[in-house]
Amino acid sequence: MADALLKSDAAEAVEEDLPEDLEEAILELKSQRNAVLLAHYYQESEVQDLADFVGDSLALAQAAKQVDRDVIAFCGVNFMAETAKILNPKRTVVVPDLDAGCSLADGCQADDFRKFIDEHGRPPVLSYINTSAEVKALSDLICTSSNAVEMARALGEGPIIFAPDRHLARWVEQQEGTPELIIWPGTCVVHEQFSAKRLAQLKVRHPDAEVLAHPECDDAVLALSDFIASTTGIIKRAIDSPARTLIIATEDGVFHQIHRSAPDKELIQAPGMDESCACNQCPYMRLNTLEKLYLCLRDLAPEVTVPEPIRKAALRPIDRMLALS
């Protein structure tokens, strides 16, 4: 990741003098820069409300492909901004904070992954979008949690390599018509924290609640769930569900969009293993703030770049995914 990104001190500049009305200043800068603001569902609510488009990884990749602005300001984590740059090499892509990484991407370095592929005889490779541009460049096809099953089937009978989330991989492998997977042993720092034991106790206290879970959760949590889906799938189900109380096992940034469409629903965060921390919040996603967003639009930094050979190699599996989706 470091090789693909230009370092900047913008993330540390939040103590500078800032406009009193940050929201209005950001909107003015967006217009001046001819910029589009893309935000993931896991961002703070005030960032989501300013965005031109809010979505999950697949929807954001699709939106990035359609961009017709000079600048893309990406409020998410760095692999998402890299994907936008891969799809838009001639546009400027900036992020509020370069430290907004991802435990899955960080835990699957390209050199290690290349060795892993070689050790298993170089079978077809399906990589989750939560990976660096370098890892995408080593892949035959990219997937998101929205389309992982579909993309796995598209690669044939297998075995195929799936990286980097082992929980998502095991869930995919359990679905009908999917190939055998050779699984890289990565996990999401948020989704692996949900506690099956405490979830079971919570269900006893709320017997009429429906449990919605992301497939990056551990098998034991998924076994207690009524509905398993991507971030977008969870939001849609929460809005459409006849249940009035919902227990949700994913990052609680999704609550904002659910409340906007279904304000009468009671949303309960699935419990983590540690009661003393906000383990349900992604520490990387929450690095992006309005202050940093303003500065990145003002200074057009930090800027995300991807070396052209890596960009071209990574573009092929991403384009293939978007075509199949």
Protein backbone atom coordinates (compact mmCIF):
# COMPACT_ATOMS: atom_id res chain seq x y z
CA MET A 1 0.00 0.00 0.00
CA ALA A 2 2.75 2.43 0.92
CA ASP A 3 4.32 2.24 -2.54
CA ALA A 4 1.02 3.21 -4.14
CA LEU A 5 0.34 6.25 -1.98
CA LEU A 6 1.91 9.68 -1.69
CA LYS A 7 2.44 10.54 1.95
CA SER A 8 1.07 13.80 3.26
CA ASP A 9 0.80 15.58 6.56
CA ALA A 10 -2.81 16.66 5.88
CA ALA A 11 -4.12 14.11 8.36
CA GLU A 12 -2.18 15.88 11.10
CA ALA A 13 -3.26 19.37 10.10
CA VAL A 14 -6.68 19.36 11.75
CA GLU A 15 -5.55 21.92 14.34
CA GLU A 16 -5.22 24.61 11.69
CA ASP A 17 -7.77 27.41 11.49
CA LEU A 18 -10.91 25.95 9.95
CA PRO A 19 -14.11 27.55 8.67
CA GLU A 20 -16.86 27.89 11.23
CA ASP A 21 -19.36 26.14 8.95
CA LEU A 22 -17.44 23.11 7.74
CA GLU A 23 -20.34 21.57 5.86
CA GLU A 24 -20.90 24.69 3.78
CA ALA A 25 -17.16 25.10 3.18
CA ILE A 26 -16.89 21.50 1.97
CA LEU A 27 -19.78 21.98 -0.44
CA GLU A 28 -18.15 25.13 -1.79
CA LEU A 29 -14.82 23.34 -2.28
CA LYS A 30 -16.57 20.45 -4.01
CA SER A 31 -17.98 22.91 -6.51
CA GLN A 32 -14.69 24.78 -6.96
CA ARG A 33 -12.72 21.57 -7.48
CA ASN A 34 -15.38 19.96 -9.67
CA ALA A 35 -15.23 17.10 -7.19
CA VAL A 36 -17.47 14.17 -6.35
CA LEU A 37 -17.62 12.81 -2.79
CA LEU A 38 -17.98 9.04 -2.39
CA ALA A 39 -18.56 7.63 1.09
CA HIS A 40 -18.87 4.16 2.55
CA TYR A 41 -21.74 3.20 4.84
CA TYR A 42 -19.26 2.88 7.72
CA GLN A 43 -18.43 6.59 7.71
CA GLU A 44 -19.71 8.99 10.37
CA SER A 45 -23.26 10.16 9.67
CA GLU A 46 -22.24 13.76 8.94
CA VAL A 47 -19.84 12.54 6.22
CA GLN A 48 -22.53 10.31 4.71
CA ASP A 49 -24.94 13.23 4.60
CA LEU A 50 -22.51 15.36 2.55
CA ALA A 51 -21.65 12.61 0.07
CA ASP A 52 -22.86 12.52 -3.52
CA PHE A 53 -23.02 8.76 -3.29
CA VAL A 54 -23.06 6.42 -0.27
CA GLY A 55 -22.68 2.69 -0.73
CA ASP A 56 -20.85 -0.54 -0.06
CA SER A 57 -17.65 -1.61 -1.82
CA LEU A 58 -19.37 -2.90 -4.95
CA ALA A 59 -21.67 0.10 -5.33
CA LEU A 60 -18.77 2.50 -4.76
CA ALA A 61 -16.66 0.74 -7.39
CA GLN A 62 -19.57 0.97 -9.82
CA ALA A 63 -20.05 4.65 -8.95
CA ALA A 64 -16.33 5.35 -9.36
CA LYS A 65 -16.44 3.88 -12.87
CA GLN A 66 -19.13 6.40 -13.83
CA VAL A 67 -17.40 9.50 -12.43
CA ASP A 68 -17.31 12.54 -14.72
CA ARG A 69 -15.66 15.01 -12.31
CA ASP A 70 -12.05 16.19 -12.10
CA VAL A 71 -11.58 15.10 -8.49
CA ILE A 72 -12.77 12.11 -6.49
CA ALA A 73 -12.77 12.62 -2.72
CA PHE A 74 -13.10 9.17 -1.23
CA CYS A 75 -14.29 8.75 2.35
CA GLY A 76 -13.64 5.12 3.09
CA VAL A 77 -10.45 3.16 3.49
CA ASN A 78 -7.44 3.26 1.23
CA PHE A 79 -8.07 0.16 -0.85
CA MET A 80 -11.38 1.73 -1.92
CA ALA A 81 -9.64 4.91 -3.04
CA GLU A 82 -7.06 2.83 -4.89
CA THR A 83 -9.89 1.06 -6.73
CA ALA A 84 -11.29 4.44 -7.75
CA LYS A 85 -7.85 5.47 -9.06
CA ILE A 86 -7.45 2.20 -10.94
CA LEU A 87 -10.74 2.92 -12.69
CA ASN A 88 -9.95 6.64 -13.17
CA PRO A 89 -6.23 7.05 -13.94
CA LYS A 90 -6.63 10.60 -15.30
CA ARG A 91 -8.62 11.93 -12.36
CA THR A 92 -7.26 13.18 -9.05
CA VAL A 93 -8.23 10.89 -6.15
CA VAL A 94 -7.82 12.22 -2.64
CA VAL A 95 -8.58 10.82 0.81
CA PRO A 96 -9.07 12.59 4.14
CA ASP A 97 -6.56 10.36 5.96
CA LEU A 98 -3.91 8.03 4.50
CA ASP A 99 -3.88 6.05 7.74
CA ALA A 100 -7.41 4.80 7.01
CA GLY A 101 -6.25 1.30 6.16
CA CYS A 102 -7.84 -2.13 6.53
CA SER A 103 -6.83 -5.12 8.62
CA LEU A 104 -7.68 -7.47 5.75
CA ALA A 105 -5.56 -5.60 3.21
CA ASP A 106 -2.72 -5.07 5.68
CA GLY A 107 -2.70 -8.78 6.54
CA CYS A 108 -2.26 -9.88 2.92
CA GLN A 109 0.94 -8.38 1.54
CA ALA A 110 1.63 -8.87 -2.16
CA ASP A 111 4.99 -10.67 -1.78
CA ASP A 112 3.53 -13.13 0.72
CA PHE A 113 0.46 -13.65 -1.41
CA ARG A 114 2.55 -14.31 -4.52
CA LYS A 115 4.38 -17.07 -2.61
CA PHE A 116 1.05 -18.47 -1.42
CA ILE A 117 -0.20 -18.65 -5.02
CA ASP A 118 3.01 -20.36 -6.17
CA GLU A 119 2.94 -22.86 -3.29
CA HIS A 120 -0.53 -23.99 -4.37
CA GLY A 121 0.33 -24.46 -8.03
CA ARG A 122 -1.06 -21.15 -9.30
CA PRO A 123 -4.78 -21.95 -9.43
CA PRO A 124 -7.30 -19.24 -10.34
CA VAL A 125 -7.32 -16.45 -7.76
CA LEU A 126 -10.41 -14.70 -6.42
CA SER A 127 -9.52 -11.74 -4.24
CA TYR A 128 -11.90 -9.80 -2.04
CA ILE A 129 -11.94 -6.10 -2.86
CA ASN A 130 -10.46 -5.49 0.63
CA THR A 131 -6.93 -5.87 -0.76
CA SER A 132 -4.18 -3.62 -2.07
CA ALA A 133 -3.75 -2.78 -5.73
CA GLU A 134 -0.71 -5.07 -5.79
CA VAL A 135 -2.76 -8.05 -4.61
CA LYS A 136 -5.53 -7.24 -7.07
CA ALA A 137 -2.88 -7.27 -9.81
CA LEU A 138 -2.09 -10.90 -8.88
CA SER A 139 -5.75 -11.93 -9.13
CA ASP A 140 -7.97 -13.33 -11.85
CA LEU A 141 -11.18 -11.88 -10.47
CA ILE A 142 -12.23 -9.51 -7.68
CA CYS A 143 -15.33 -9.84 -5.51
CA THR A 144 -17.19 -8.01 -2.80
CA SER A 145 -19.41 -9.47 -0.11
CA SER A 146 -22.37 -8.60 -2.37
CA ASN A 147 -21.21 -10.83 -5.21
CA ALA A 148 -18.64 -13.23 -3.71
CA VAL A 149 -20.76 -16.33 -4.35
CA GLU A 150 -21.45 -15.29 -7.94
CA MET A 151 -17.79 -14.53 -8.62
CA ALA A 152 -16.61 -17.82 -7.09
CA ARG A 153 -18.98 -19.73 -9.37
CA ALA A 154 -17.69 -17.73 -12.34
CA LEU A 155 -14.18 -19.14 -11.83
CA GLY A 156 -15.33 -22.73 -12.39
CA GLU A 157 -15.13 -25.94 -10.42
CA GLY A 158 -11.96 -25.16 -8.53
CA PRO A 159 -10.04 -25.41 -6.42
CA ILE A 160 -9.47 -21.67 -6.43
CA ILE A 161 -7.63 -19.38 -4.04
CA PHE A 162 -9.76 -16.97 -2.02
CA ALA A 163 -8.17 -14.11 -0.09
CA PRO A 164 -8.03 -12.54 2.36
CA ASP A 165 -11.10 -13.04 4.63
CA ARG A 166 -11.38 -16.61 5.90
CA HIS A 167 -14.88 -16.18 7.36
CA LEU A 168 -16.31 -14.84 4.13
CA ALA A 169 -14.51 -17.61 2.24
CA ARG A 170 -16.00 -20.35 4.41
CA TRP A 171 -19.47 -18.87 4.07
CA VAL A 172 -19.05 -18.73 0.28
CA GLU A 173 -17.86 -22.33 0.18
CA GLN A 174 -21.00 -23.44 2.01
CA GLN A 175 -23.28 -22.04 -0.70
CA GLU A 176 -24.62 -24.30 -3.40
CA GLY A 177 -22.62 -24.49 -6.61
CA THR A 178 -19.44 -22.87 -5.32
CA PRO A 179 -16.01 -24.44 -5.87
CA GLU A 180 -13.52 -25.70 -3.33
CA LEU A 181 -11.54 -22.80 -1.92
CA ILE A 182 -7.92 -22.53 -0.83
CA ILE A 183 -8.29 -19.93 1.88
CA TRP A 184 -5.90 -17.19 2.96
CA PRO A 185 -6.30 -16.87 6.76
CA GLY A 186 -7.23 -13.19 7.14
CA THR A 187 -9.95 -11.61 9.28
CA CYS A 188 -11.67 -8.23 9.69
CA VAL A 189 -10.75 -6.43 12.91
CA VAL A 190 -14.40 -5.45 13.42
CA HIS A 191 -16.37 -8.52 12.39
CA GLU A 192 -14.20 -11.01 14.21
CA GLN A 193 -14.97 -9.22 17.51
CA PHE A 194 -18.63 -10.17 17.70
CA SER A 195 -19.30 -12.71 20.43
CA ALA A 196 -21.55 -15.70 19.69
CA LYS A 197 -22.04 -16.37 23.41
CA ARG A 198 -23.17 -12.83 24.18
CA LEU A 199 -25.30 -12.73 21.02
CA ALA A 200 -27.14 -15.85 22.19
CA GLN A 201 -27.79 -14.16 25.53
CA LEU A 202 -29.05 -11.05 23.75
CA LYS A 203 -31.45 -13.11 21.66
CA VAL A 204 -32.97 -14.53 24.83
CA ARG A 205 -33.69 -11.00 26.04
CA HIS A 206 -35.16 -10.03 22.65
CA PRO A 207 -36.96 -13.17 21.41
CA ASP A 208 -38.80 -11.30 18.64
CA ALA A 209 -35.70 -9.66 17.21
CA GLU A 210 -34.27 -10.60 13.84
CA VAL A 211 -30.50 -11.03 13.69
CA LEU A 212 -28.75 -9.65 10.61
CA ALA A 213 -25.06 -10.48 10.09
CA HIS A 214 -22.26 -9.78 7.64
CA PRO A 215 -20.54 -12.90 6.25
CA GLU A 216 -17.19 -11.65 7.56
CA CYS A 217 -18.41 -12.71 11.00
CA ASP A 218 -17.28 -15.94 12.64
CA ASP A 219 -19.23 -19.14 11.82
CA ALA A 220 -20.63 -19.29 15.35
CA VAL A 221 -22.14 -15.81 14.97
CA LEU A 222 -23.52 -16.63 11.52
CA ALA A 223 -25.14 -19.78 12.93
CA LEU A 224 -27.18 -17.59 15.29
CA SER A 225 -28.25 -15.21 12.54
CA ASP A 226 -31.54 -15.07 10.67
CA PHE A 227 -30.22 -13.19 7.66
CA ILE A 228 -26.67 -13.03 6.25
CA ALA A 229 -25.76 -10.45 3.64
CA SER A 230 -23.43 -7.68 2.52
CA THR A 231 -23.64 -4.22 4.02
CA THR A 232 -26.18 -3.12 1.44
CA GLY A 233 -28.12 -6.35 1.89
CA ILE A 234 -28.27 -5.81 5.64
CA ILE A 235 -29.55 -2.25 5.23
CA LYS A 236 -32.22 -3.31 2.74
CA ARG A 237 -33.36 -6.22 4.91
CA ALA A 238 -33.47 -4.04 8.03
CA ILE A 239 -35.75 -1.58 6.24
CA ASP A 240 -37.98 -4.27 4.72
CA SER A 241 -38.09 -6.70 7.64
CA PRO A 242 -41.42 -7.13 9.44
CA ALA A 243 -39.46 -7.33 12.69
CA ARG A 244 -39.55 -4.15 14.76
CA THR A 245 -36.35 -5.00 16.62
CA LEU A 246 -33.15 -5.86 14.77
CA ILE A 247 -29.86 -7.10 16.13
CA ILE A 248 -27.14 -6.19 13.65
CA ALA A 249 -23.70 -7.78 13.44
CA THR A 250 -21.72 -5.36 11.33
CA GLU A 251 -20.19 -1.90 11.69
CA ASP A 252 -22.77 0.43 13.21
CA GLY A 253 -22.30 3.11 10.55
CA VAL A 254 -25.16 1.31 8.76
CA PHE A 255 -27.58 2.47 11.46
CA HIS A 256 -27.69 5.95 9.94
CA GLN A 257 -29.07 4.81 6.59
CA ILE A 258 -31.51 2.38 8.23
CA HIS A 259 -32.85 5.08 10.55
CA ARG A 260 -33.38 7.44 7.63
CA SER A 261 -35.75 4.98 5.94
CA ALA A 262 -37.12 3.12 8.97
CA PRO A 263 -37.01 5.50 11.96
CA ASP A 264 -39.41 3.35 13.95
CA LYS A 265 -37.12 0.31 14.02
CA GLU A 266 -35.17 -0.50 17.18
CA LEU A 267 -31.58 -1.26 16.19
CA ILE A 268 -29.35 -3.16 18.59
CA GLN A 269 -25.66 -3.68 17.95
CA ALA A 270 -24.57 -7.30 18.23
CA PRO A 271 -22.30 -7.52 21.28
CA GLY A 272 -18.54 -7.77 21.06
CA MET A 273 -16.26 -9.88 23.16
CA ASP A 274 -15.10 -6.86 25.15
CA GLU A 275 -17.77 -4.71 26.76
CA SER A 276 -15.30 -1.88 27.42
CA CYS A 277 -14.53 -0.95 23.80
CA ALA A 278 -16.44 0.23 20.74
CA CYS A 279 -15.32 -2.88 18.88
CA ASN A 280 -18.25 -2.61 16.49
CA GLN A 281 -16.73 0.57 14.97
CA CYS A 282 -13.98 0.30 12.39
CA PRO A 283 -11.03 2.31 13.76
CA TYR A 284 -9.81 2.96 10.22
CA MET A 285 -13.10 4.15 8.74
CA ARG A 286 -13.61 6.53 11.66
CA LEU A 287 -10.31 8.31 10.98
CA ASN A 288 -12.09 10.29 8.28
CA THR A 289 -13.63 13.46 9.70
CA LEU A 290 -15.23 16.60 8.32
CA GLU A 291 -12.10 18.56 9.25
CA LYS A 292 -9.85 16.22 7.28
CA LEU A 293 -12.31 16.11 4.38
CA TYR A 294 -12.23 19.90 4.16
CA LEU A 295 -8.42 19.93 4.17
CA CYS A 296 -8.08 17.22 1.53
CA LEU A 297 -10.40 19.12 -0.80
CA ARG A 298 -8.64 22.40 -0.06
CA ASP A 299 -5.12 21.03 -0.61
CA LEU A 300 -5.94 18.13 -2.97
CA ALA A 301 -3.92 15.95 -0.63
CA PRO A 302 -3.29 13.27 0.43
CA GLU A 303 -3.49 12.05 -3.15
CA VAL A 304 -3.76 8.36 -4.02
CA THR A 305 -1.65 7.09 -6.92
CA VAL A 306 -1.11 3.62 -8.35
CA PRO A 307 1.92 2.80 -10.54
CA GLU A 308 0.76 2.25 -14.10
CA PRO A 309 1.92 -1.40 -14.49
CA ILE A 310 0.10 -2.34 -11.28
CA ARG A 311 -2.93 -0.29 -12.25
CA LYS A 312 -3.27 -2.03 -15.61
CA ALA A 313 -2.86 -5.48 -14.07
CA ALA A 314 -5.38 -4.71 -11.31
CA LEU A 315 -7.86 -3.19 -13.74
CA ARG A 316 -8.46 -6.48 -15.56
CA PRO A 317 -9.96 -8.45 -12.63
CA ILE A 318 -11.90 -5.39 -11.42
CA ASP A 319 -13.42 -4.80 -14.87
CA ARG A 320 -14.23 -8.47 -15.10
CA MET A 321 -16.09 -8.29 -11.79
CA LEU A 322 -18.03 -5.20 -12.85
CA ALA A 323 -18.98 -6.85 -16.14
CA LEU A 324 -20.18 -10.01 -14.37
CA SER A 325 -22.06 -7.97 -11.76
